[in-house]
Amino acid sequence: MSEVEQVHFTEQRLAEIDALVKKYPSARSALLPVLHMAQEDFGYLPMHVQQLVADTLGLRLMIVREVVTFYTMFREHETGKYRLEVCTNAGCMLNGADELVQHITKSLGINVGETTSDGMFTVTEVECAGACAGAPVVQINNEYHEKVDASYMDAFITKVSSSEEGGQV
């Protein structure tokens, strides 16, 4: 999606947003769910999509930017088909998250924040997954995986990679 490309919400999505906004005292209160909708529709939230959200809700772009850049659940750039988000906060770090990040990035041949050349995997670190009892935690495409170790990630990467090559997902 080019930065100058015009994007629009569908009529159905606009109706959903309108119904949502009516549930709140102000349109600004609907910002988080509308950002989730936009990310679902467009895959990520580049600047022109953030502007669309701002215009749709009658907000300044800076208000939308403050939210998008604060929360790690919002992505401003395209990512791989599988987003591997490793919690590296204290509990996970003490249970091997740093070593897990090093293993994953070395196995995939990329650095944190990068996507593999085949577009399959993006590895990021997140501040806290809120699942300390299951440390270390890796969120894969919004699904939590607890007590993850190198062999677990190796098996996952092998499984999805072979599924892609075989055309089965």
N, C-alpha and C. Protein backbone atom coordinates (compact mmCIF):
# COMPACT_ATOMS: atom_id res chain seq x y z
N MET A 1 0.85 -1.18 0.00
CA MET A 1 0.00 0.00 0.00
C MET A 1 0.89 1.23 0.00
N SER A 2 0.78 2.06 -0.97
CA SER A 2 1.58 3.26 -1.09
C SER A 2 1.10 4.33 -0.12
N GLU A 3 2.04 5.15 0.35
CA GLU A 3 1.70 6.21 1.31
C GLU A 3 0.68 7.20 0.72
N VAL A 4 0.67 7.38 -0.60
CA VAL A 4 -0.25 8.35 -1.20
C VAL A 4 -1.56 7.69 -1.61
N GLU A 5 -1.64 6.38 -1.47
CA GLU A 5 -2.85 5.66 -1.86
C GLU A 5 -4.03 6.11 -1.01
N GLN A 6 -5.16 6.31 -1.67
CA GLN A 6 -6.38 6.66 -0.96
C GLN A 6 -7.01 5.39 -0.41
N VAL A 7 -7.35 5.40 0.84
CA VAL A 7 -8.02 4.26 1.46
C VAL A 7 -9.33 4.74 2.06
N HIS A 8 -10.26 3.81 2.10
CA HIS A 8 -11.57 4.13 2.63
C HIS A 8 -12.09 2.93 3.40
N PHE A 9 -12.89 3.20 4.41
CA PHE A 9 -13.63 2.14 5.07
C PHE A 9 -14.79 1.76 4.17
N THR A 10 -15.20 0.50 4.20
CA THR A 10 -16.38 0.08 3.46
C THR A 10 -17.61 0.70 4.12
N GLU A 11 -18.71 0.71 3.39
CA GLU A 11 -19.96 1.24 3.96
C GLU A 11 -20.37 0.42 5.19
N GLN A 12 -20.15 -0.89 5.13
CA GLN A 12 -20.49 -1.74 6.27
C GLN A 12 -19.64 -1.38 7.48
N ARG A 13 -18.35 -1.16 7.26
CA ARG A 13 -17.46 -0.80 8.37
C ARG A 13 -17.85 0.57 8.93
N LEU A 14 -18.18 1.51 8.06
CA LEU A 14 -18.59 2.83 8.53
C LEU A 14 -19.85 2.73 9.39
N ALA A 15 -20.75 1.84 9.01
CA ALA A 15 -21.97 1.64 9.81
C ALA A 15 -21.61 1.06 11.18
N GLU A 16 -20.66 0.12 11.21
CA GLU A 16 -20.21 -0.45 12.48
C GLU A 16 -19.57 0.62 13.36
N ILE A 17 -18.76 1.46 12.74
CA ILE A 17 -18.09 2.53 13.49
C ILE A 17 -19.13 3.51 14.03
N ASP A 18 -20.09 3.88 13.20
CA ASP A 18 -21.15 4.80 13.63
C ASP A 18 -21.91 4.23 14.82
N ALA A 19 -22.27 2.95 14.75
CA ALA A 19 -22.98 2.31 15.87
C ALA A 19 -22.13 2.28 17.12
N LEU A 20 -20.84 2.03 16.95
CA LEU A 20 -19.91 1.99 18.08
C LEU A 20 -19.79 3.36 18.73
N VAL A 21 -19.61 4.38 17.93
CA VAL A 21 -19.44 5.75 18.45
C VAL A 21 -20.66 6.16 19.27
N LYS A 22 -21.83 5.72 18.87
CA LYS A 22 -23.06 6.09 19.58
C LYS A 22 -23.12 5.49 20.99
N LYS A 23 -22.31 4.49 21.25
CA LYS A 23 -22.29 3.86 22.57
C LYS A 23 -21.44 4.65 23.58
N TYR A 24 -20.65 5.61 23.08
CA TYR A 24 -19.72 6.34 23.92
C TYR A 24 -20.13 7.80 24.06
N PRO A 25 -19.63 8.45 25.11
CA PRO A 25 -19.96 9.87 25.29
C PRO A 25 -19.32 10.76 24.23
N SER A 26 -18.22 10.31 23.63
CA SER A 26 -17.59 11.08 22.56
C SER A 26 -16.92 10.11 21.58
N ALA A 27 -16.70 10.58 20.37
CA ALA A 27 -16.08 9.75 19.33
C ALA A 27 -14.67 9.31 19.75
N ARG A 28 -13.99 10.15 20.48
CA ARG A 28 -12.62 9.81 20.91
C ARG A 28 -12.60 8.52 21.74
N SER A 29 -13.65 8.27 22.46
CA SER A 29 -13.72 7.06 23.29
C SER A 29 -13.73 5.79 22.45
N ALA A 30 -14.08 5.89 21.19
CA ALA A 30 -14.13 4.73 20.29
C ALA A 30 -12.81 4.52 19.56
N LEU A 31 -11.79 5.30 19.87
CA LEU A 31 -10.55 5.24 19.11
C LEU A 31 -9.89 3.86 19.12
N LEU A 32 -9.75 3.24 20.29
CA LEU A 32 -9.08 1.93 20.33
C LEU A 32 -9.80 0.89 19.48
N PRO A 33 -11.10 0.70 19.64
CA PRO A 33 -11.74 -0.31 18.79
C PRO A 33 -11.71 0.04 17.30
N VAL A 34 -11.77 1.31 16.96
CA VAL A 34 -11.72 1.69 15.55
C VAL A 34 -10.32 1.44 14.99
N LEU A 35 -9.29 1.67 15.78
CA LEU A 35 -7.94 1.33 15.33
C LEU A 35 -7.79 -0.18 15.09
N HIS A 36 -8.40 -0.98 15.96
CA HIS A 36 -8.38 -2.43 15.75
C HIS A 36 -9.09 -2.78 14.44
N MET A 37 -10.21 -2.15 14.19
CA MET A 37 -10.95 -2.39 12.94
C MET A 37 -10.09 -2.02 11.73
N ALA A 38 -9.45 -0.86 11.81
CA ALA A 38 -8.62 -0.40 10.69
C ALA A 38 -7.46 -1.36 10.45
N GLN A 39 -6.84 -1.82 11.53
CA GLN A 39 -5.72 -2.75 11.38
C GLN A 39 -6.21 -4.07 10.78
N GLU A 40 -7.38 -4.49 11.17
CA GLU A 40 -7.96 -5.71 10.60
C GLU A 40 -8.24 -5.52 9.10
N ASP A 41 -8.75 -4.36 8.74
CA ASP A 41 -9.10 -4.10 7.34
C ASP A 41 -7.89 -3.89 6.45
N PHE A 42 -6.88 -3.18 6.95
CA PHE A 42 -5.75 -2.79 6.11
C PHE A 42 -4.45 -3.53 6.41
N GLY A 43 -4.44 -4.34 7.48
CA GLY A 43 -3.27 -5.14 7.80
C GLY A 43 -2.29 -4.46 8.74
N TYR A 44 -2.20 -3.17 8.66
CA TYR A 44 -1.34 -2.37 9.52
C TYR A 44 -1.81 -0.93 9.43
N LEU A 45 -1.16 -0.04 10.19
CA LEU A 45 -1.65 1.34 10.30
C LEU A 45 -0.61 2.36 9.83
N PRO A 46 -0.37 2.41 8.53
CA PRO A 46 0.53 3.47 8.04
C PRO A 46 -0.13 4.84 8.24
N MET A 47 0.61 5.87 8.01
CA MET A 47 0.13 7.23 8.30
C MET A 47 -1.19 7.55 7.62
N HIS A 48 -1.38 7.15 6.36
CA HIS A 48 -2.62 7.51 5.68
C HIS A 48 -3.83 6.76 6.27
N VAL A 49 -3.62 5.60 6.85
CA VAL A 49 -4.72 4.90 7.52
C VAL A 49 -5.01 5.58 8.86
N GLN A 50 -3.97 6.02 9.54
CA GLN A 50 -4.17 6.75 10.78
C GLN A 50 -4.95 8.04 10.51
N GLN A 51 -4.64 8.69 9.39
CA GLN A 51 -5.38 9.91 9.02
C GLN A 51 -6.84 9.58 8.73
N LEU A 52 -7.09 8.44 8.08
CA LEU A 52 -8.46 8.01 7.82
C LEU A 52 -9.22 7.82 9.13
N VAL A 53 -8.58 7.19 10.11
CA VAL A 53 -9.22 6.99 11.41
C VAL A 53 -9.51 8.34 12.06
N ALA A 54 -8.53 9.24 12.01
CA ALA A 54 -8.72 10.57 12.60
C ALA A 54 -9.89 11.30 11.93
N ASP A 55 -9.92 11.27 10.61
CA ASP A 55 -10.99 11.95 9.87
C ASP A 55 -12.35 11.32 10.18
N THR A 56 -12.38 9.99 10.23
CA THR A 56 -13.64 9.29 10.48
C THR A 56 -14.22 9.63 11.85
N LEU A 57 -13.33 9.78 12.84
CA LEU A 57 -13.78 10.08 14.20
C LEU A 57 -13.79 11.58 14.53
N GLY A 58 -13.35 12.40 13.57
CA GLY A 58 -13.31 13.84 13.81
C GLY A 58 -12.25 14.24 14.82
N LEU A 59 -11.12 13.53 14.78
CA LEU A 59 -10.02 13.80 15.71
C LEU A 59 -8.82 14.36 14.97
N ARG A 60 -7.93 14.98 15.72
CA ARG A 60 -6.66 15.40 15.13
C ARG A 60 -5.77 14.17 14.96
N LEU A 61 -4.95 14.17 13.94
CA LEU A 61 -4.04 13.06 13.67
C LEU A 61 -3.14 12.78 14.87
N MET A 62 -2.71 13.81 15.58
CA MET A 62 -1.79 13.63 16.71
C MET A 62 -2.42 12.76 17.80
N ILE A 63 -3.70 12.87 18.01
CA ILE A 63 -4.37 12.05 19.02
C ILE A 63 -4.28 10.58 18.61
N VAL A 64 -4.52 10.30 17.36
CA VAL A 64 -4.43 8.92 16.85
C VAL A 64 -2.98 8.44 16.96
N ARG A 65 -2.02 9.26 16.57
CA ARG A 65 -0.59 8.90 16.63
C ARG A 65 -0.16 8.55 18.05
N GLU A 66 -0.64 9.33 19.03
CA GLU A 66 -0.27 9.06 20.42
C GLU A 66 -0.69 7.67 20.84
N VAL A 67 -1.84 7.23 20.40
CA VAL A 67 -2.34 5.90 20.77
C VAL A 67 -1.59 4.81 19.98
N VAL A 68 -1.44 5.00 18.68
CA VAL A 68 -0.78 3.99 17.84
C VAL A 68 0.66 3.76 18.28
N THR A 69 1.35 4.82 18.62
CA THR A 69 2.77 4.67 18.99
C THR A 69 2.96 4.21 20.43
N PHE A 70 1.92 4.28 21.25
CA PHE A 70 2.02 3.84 22.64
C PHE A 70 1.83 2.34 22.77
N TYR A 71 0.85 1.80 22.09
CA TYR A 71 0.50 0.39 22.24
C TYR A 71 1.22 -0.49 21.22
N THR A 72 1.84 -1.57 21.72
CA THR A 72 2.57 -2.47 20.82
C THR A 72 1.63 -3.32 19.97
N MET A 73 0.36 -3.36 20.28
CA MET A 73 -0.59 -4.16 19.49
C MET A 73 -0.89 -3.51 18.15
N PHE A 74 -0.55 -2.24 18.00
CA PHE A 74 -0.77 -1.56 16.73
C PHE A 74 0.54 -1.53 15.94
N ARG A 75 0.42 -1.85 14.65
CA ARG A 75 1.61 -1.93 13.79
C ARG A 75 1.54 -0.84 12.72
N GLU A 76 2.64 -0.12 12.57
CA GLU A 76 2.71 0.94 11.55
C GLU A 76 3.35 0.45 10.25
N HIS A 77 3.86 -0.77 10.26
CA HIS A 77 4.54 -1.31 9.09
C HIS A 77 4.03 -2.71 8.80
N GLU A 78 4.17 -3.12 7.56
CA GLU A 78 3.78 -4.48 7.20
C GLU A 78 4.61 -5.46 8.01
N THR A 79 4.02 -6.60 8.29
CA THR A 79 4.74 -7.65 9.03
C THR A 79 4.61 -8.95 8.27
N GLY A 80 5.34 -9.93 8.75
CA GLY A 80 5.25 -11.25 8.16
C GLY A 80 3.91 -11.90 8.46
N LYS A 81 3.67 -13.00 7.81
CA LYS A 81 2.43 -13.74 8.02
C LYS A 81 2.31 -14.18 9.47
N TYR A 82 3.44 -14.51 10.09
CA TYR A 82 3.47 -14.91 11.50
C TYR A 82 4.24 -13.86 12.28
N ARG A 83 3.55 -13.21 13.21
CA ARG A 83 4.17 -12.21 14.08
C ARG A 83 4.56 -12.89 15.38
N LEU A 84 5.85 -12.98 15.63
CA LEU A 84 6.37 -13.61 16.84
C LEU A 84 6.75 -12.50 17.81
N GLU A 85 5.89 -12.26 18.80
CA GLU A 85 6.09 -11.17 19.75
C GLU A 85 6.53 -11.77 21.08
N VAL A 86 7.79 -11.59 21.40
CA VAL A 86 8.36 -12.19 22.61
C VAL A 86 8.34 -11.17 23.73
N CYS A 87 7.71 -11.55 24.85
CA CYS A 87 7.72 -10.69 26.03
C CYS A 87 9.11 -10.73 26.63
N THR A 88 9.69 -9.56 26.85
CA THR A 88 11.04 -9.49 27.44
C THR A 88 11.03 -8.68 28.74
N ASN A 89 9.86 -8.57 29.36
CA ASN A 89 9.77 -7.89 30.65
C ASN A 89 10.41 -8.77 31.72
N ALA A 90 10.49 -8.29 32.94
CA ALA A 90 11.26 -8.93 34.01
C ALA A 90 10.96 -10.41 34.18
N GLY A 91 9.69 -10.79 34.35
CA GLY A 91 9.36 -12.19 34.59
C GLY A 91 9.80 -13.10 33.45
N CYS A 92 9.54 -12.67 32.23
CA CYS A 92 9.93 -13.47 31.07
C CYS A 92 11.45 -13.47 30.89
N MET A 93 12.07 -12.31 31.13
CA MET A 93 13.53 -12.22 31.00
C MET A 93 14.20 -13.19 31.97
N LEU A 94 13.72 -13.23 33.20
CA LEU A 94 14.31 -14.11 34.20
C LEU A 94 14.10 -15.59 33.87
N ASN A 95 13.15 -15.86 32.99
CA ASN A 95 12.86 -17.24 32.60
C ASN A 95 13.36 -17.57 31.19
N GLY A 96 14.27 -16.74 30.66
CA GLY A 96 14.94 -17.10 29.41
C GLY A 96 14.49 -16.39 28.16
N ALA A 97 13.71 -15.32 28.28
CA ALA A 97 13.21 -14.63 27.09
C ALA A 97 14.32 -14.04 26.23
N ASP A 98 15.35 -13.46 26.86
CA ASP A 98 16.43 -12.87 26.08
C ASP A 98 17.13 -13.93 25.23
N GLU A 99 17.39 -15.08 25.83
CA GLU A 99 18.03 -16.17 25.09
C GLU A 99 17.11 -16.69 23.99
N LEU A 100 15.81 -16.70 24.28
CA LEU A 100 14.83 -17.15 23.29
C LEU A 100 14.81 -16.21 22.09
N VAL A 101 14.83 -14.91 22.34
CA VAL A 101 14.88 -13.94 21.25
C VAL A 101 16.12 -14.16 20.40
N GLN A 102 17.27 -14.34 21.06
CA GLN A 102 18.52 -14.58 20.31
C GLN A 102 18.41 -15.84 19.47
N HIS A 103 17.83 -16.89 20.03
CA HIS A 103 17.69 -18.15 19.30
C HIS A 103 16.78 -17.98 18.08
N ILE A 104 15.64 -17.35 18.28
CA ILE A 104 14.68 -17.18 17.18
C ILE A 104 15.29 -16.34 16.06
N THR A 105 15.89 -15.21 16.41
CA THR A 105 16.44 -14.33 15.38
C THR A 105 17.60 -15.01 14.65
N LYS A 106 18.42 -15.75 15.38
CA LYS A 106 19.53 -16.46 14.74
C LYS A 106 18.99 -17.55 13.81
N SER A 107 17.98 -18.28 14.27
CA SER A 107 17.38 -19.34 13.45
C SER A 107 16.77 -18.80 12.17
N LEU A 108 16.15 -17.63 12.26
CA LEU A 108 15.49 -17.04 11.10
C LEU A 108 16.41 -16.16 10.27
N GLY A 109 17.58 -15.81 10.82
CA GLY A 109 18.53 -14.98 10.10
C GLY A 109 18.11 -13.52 9.99
N ILE A 110 17.39 -13.04 11.01
CA ILE A 110 16.95 -11.64 11.03
C ILE A 110 17.21 -11.05 12.41
N ASN A 111 17.07 -9.75 12.50
CA ASN A 111 17.16 -9.05 13.78
C ASN A 111 15.76 -8.75 14.29
N VAL A 112 15.67 -8.39 15.56
CA VAL A 112 14.40 -7.98 16.14
C VAL A 112 13.85 -6.81 15.32
N GLY A 113 12.57 -6.88 15.02
CA GLY A 113 11.93 -5.82 14.24
C GLY A 113 11.94 -6.07 12.75
N GLU A 114 12.62 -7.12 12.31
CA GLU A 114 12.72 -7.42 10.89
C GLU A 114 11.79 -8.57 10.50
N THR A 115 11.60 -8.69 9.20
CA THR A 115 10.78 -9.75 8.62
C THR A 115 11.66 -10.59 7.71
N THR A 116 11.45 -11.89 7.75
CA THR A 116 12.23 -12.78 6.87
C THR A 116 11.95 -12.43 5.41
N SER A 117 12.92 -12.72 4.55
CA SER A 117 12.81 -12.35 3.13
C SER A 117 11.62 -13.00 2.44
N ASP A 118 11.17 -14.15 2.95
CA ASP A 118 10.01 -14.81 2.34
C ASP A 118 8.68 -14.24 2.87
N GLY A 119 8.75 -13.26 3.77
CA GLY A 119 7.55 -12.63 4.30
C GLY A 119 6.79 -13.48 5.31
N MET A 120 7.42 -14.52 5.80
CA MET A 120 6.74 -15.45 6.71
C MET A 120 6.75 -14.98 8.17
N PHE A 121 7.91 -14.50 8.67
CA PHE A 121 8.05 -14.25 10.10
C PHE A 121 8.57 -12.84 10.38
N THR A 122 7.97 -12.20 11.38
CA THR A 122 8.48 -10.95 11.93
C THR A 122 8.66 -11.19 13.42
N VAL A 123 9.82 -10.81 13.94
CA VAL A 123 10.11 -10.99 15.36
C VAL A 123 10.18 -9.62 16.03
N THR A 124 9.41 -9.47 17.11
CA THR A 124 9.48 -8.24 17.89
C THR A 124 9.53 -8.59 19.37
N GLU A 125 9.98 -7.63 20.15
CA GLU A 125 9.95 -7.75 21.61
C GLU A 125 8.81 -6.87 22.10
N VAL A 126 8.09 -7.35 23.09
CA VAL A 126 7.04 -6.53 23.69
C VAL A 126 7.37 -6.35 25.17
N GLU A 127 6.92 -5.25 25.71
CA GLU A 127 7.27 -4.90 27.08
C GLU A 127 6.65 -5.84 28.10
N CYS A 128 5.39 -6.18 27.95
CA CYS A 128 4.75 -7.09 28.90
C CYS A 128 3.53 -7.72 28.27
N ALA A 129 3.50 -9.03 28.30
CA ALA A 129 2.36 -9.76 27.74
C ALA A 129 1.28 -9.99 28.80
N GLY A 130 1.60 -9.69 30.05
CA GLY A 130 0.62 -9.84 31.12
C GLY A 130 0.31 -11.29 31.45
N ALA A 131 1.26 -12.17 31.23
CA ALA A 131 1.05 -13.59 31.52
C ALA A 131 2.29 -14.14 32.23
N CYS A 132 2.68 -13.47 33.28
CA CYS A 132 3.95 -13.79 33.97
C CYS A 132 4.02 -15.22 34.47
N ALA A 133 2.91 -15.80 34.86
CA ALA A 133 2.91 -17.18 35.36
C ALA A 133 3.32 -18.17 34.27
N GLY A 134 3.19 -17.78 33.02
CA GLY A 134 3.55 -18.65 31.90
C GLY A 134 4.85 -18.27 31.24
N ALA A 135 5.67 -17.51 31.91
CA ALA A 135 6.91 -16.99 31.32
C ALA A 135 7.87 -18.12 30.93
N PRO A 136 8.59 -17.93 29.82
CA PRO A 136 8.47 -16.84 28.86
C PRO A 136 7.29 -17.04 27.91
N VAL A 137 6.72 -15.93 27.51
CA VAL A 137 5.53 -15.93 26.67
C VAL A 137 5.87 -15.38 25.29
N VAL A 138 5.34 -16.05 24.27
CA VAL A 138 5.44 -15.56 22.90
C VAL A 138 4.02 -15.47 22.36
N GLN A 139 3.68 -14.30 21.89
CA GLN A 139 2.37 -14.14 21.27
C GLN A 139 2.58 -14.31 19.77
N ILE A 140 1.89 -15.28 19.20
CA ILE A 140 2.00 -15.54 17.77
C ILE A 140 0.66 -15.19 17.14
N ASN A 141 0.66 -14.12 16.35
CA ASN A 141 -0.58 -13.64 15.72
C ASN A 141 -1.71 -13.55 16.73
N ASN A 142 -1.46 -12.88 17.83
CA ASN A 142 -2.46 -12.60 18.87
C ASN A 142 -2.85 -13.81 19.70
N GLU A 143 -2.16 -14.92 19.58
CA GLU A 143 -2.44 -16.10 20.40
C GLU A 143 -1.25 -16.33 21.33
N TYR A 144 -1.55 -16.44 22.62
CA TYR A 144 -0.50 -16.61 23.61
C TYR A 144 0.02 -18.05 23.64
N HIS A 145 1.34 -18.17 23.73
CA HIS A 145 2.02 -19.46 23.91
C HIS A 145 2.90 -19.28 25.15
N GLU A 146 2.67 -20.09 26.17
CA GLU A 146 3.37 -19.93 27.44
C GLU A 146 4.44 -20.99 27.64
N LYS A 147 5.41 -20.63 28.49
CA LYS A 147 6.54 -21.50 28.82
C LYS A 147 7.24 -21.98 27.56
N VAL A 148 7.46 -21.04 26.67
CA VAL A 148 8.07 -21.33 25.37
C VAL A 148 9.58 -21.46 25.52
N ASP A 149 10.13 -22.45 24.84
CA ASP A 149 11.59 -22.59 24.79
C ASP A 149 12.03 -22.71 23.34
N ALA A 150 13.33 -22.85 23.12
CA ALA A 150 13.88 -22.89 21.76
C ALA A 150 13.30 -24.05 20.96
N SER A 151 13.16 -25.21 21.57
CA SER A 151 12.65 -26.36 20.81
C SER A 151 11.19 -26.15 20.41
N TYR A 152 10.41 -25.49 21.24
CA TYR A 152 9.02 -25.18 20.91
C TYR A 152 8.97 -24.29 19.67
N MET A 153 9.80 -23.24 19.68
CA MET A 153 9.81 -22.31 18.55
C MET A 153 10.35 -22.98 17.29
N ASP A 154 11.38 -23.81 17.44
CA ASP A 154 11.91 -24.53 16.28
C ASP A 154 10.81 -25.39 15.65
N ALA A 155 10.06 -26.09 16.49
CA ALA A 155 8.99 -26.96 16.00
C ALA A 155 7.91 -26.14 15.32
N PHE A 156 7.55 -25.00 15.90
CA PHE A 156 6.53 -24.14 15.30
C PHE A 156 6.98 -23.62 13.94
N ILE A 157 8.20 -23.10 13.88
CA ILE A 157 8.74 -22.55 12.63
C ILE A 157 8.81 -23.63 11.56
N THR A 158 9.28 -24.81 11.93
CA THR A 158 9.36 -25.92 10.97
C THR A 158 7.97 -26.31 10.48
N LYS A 159 7.02 -26.40 11.41
CA LYS A 159 5.65 -26.80 11.05
C LYS A 159 5.01 -25.83 10.07
N VAL A 160 5.05 -24.54 10.39
CA VAL A 160 4.38 -23.58 9.50
C VAL A 160 5.14 -23.39 8.20
N SER A 161 6.46 -23.52 8.25
CA SER A 161 7.25 -23.41 7.01
C SER A 161 6.94 -24.57 6.07
N SER A 162 6.86 -25.77 6.61
CA SER A 162 6.56 -26.93 5.76
C SER A 162 5.11 -26.90 5.29
N SER A 163 4.21 -26.36 6.10
CA SER A 163 2.81 -26.22 5.67
C SER A 163 2.70 -25.27 4.51
N GLU A 164 3.46 -24.17 4.55
CA GLU A 164 3.45 -23.19 3.46
C GLU A 164 4.00 -23.80 2.19
N GLU A 165 5.08 -24.56 2.30
CA GLU A 165 5.68 -25.17 1.12
C GLU A 165 4.75 -26.20 0.50
N GLY A 166 3.99 -26.89 1.36
CA GLY A 166 3.06 -27.90 0.88
C GLY A 166 1.70 -27.33 0.51
N GLY A 167 1.53 -26.04 0.72
CA GLY A 167 0.27 -25.39 0.37
C GLY A 167 -0.84 -25.58 1.39
N GLN A 168 -0.52 -26.11 2.55
CA GLN A 168 -1.54 -26.32 3.58
C GLN A 168 -1.25 -25.40 4.76
N VAL A 169 -2.25 -24.68 5.17
CA VAL A 169 -2.09 -23.84 6.35
C VAL A 169 -3.26 -24.06 7.27
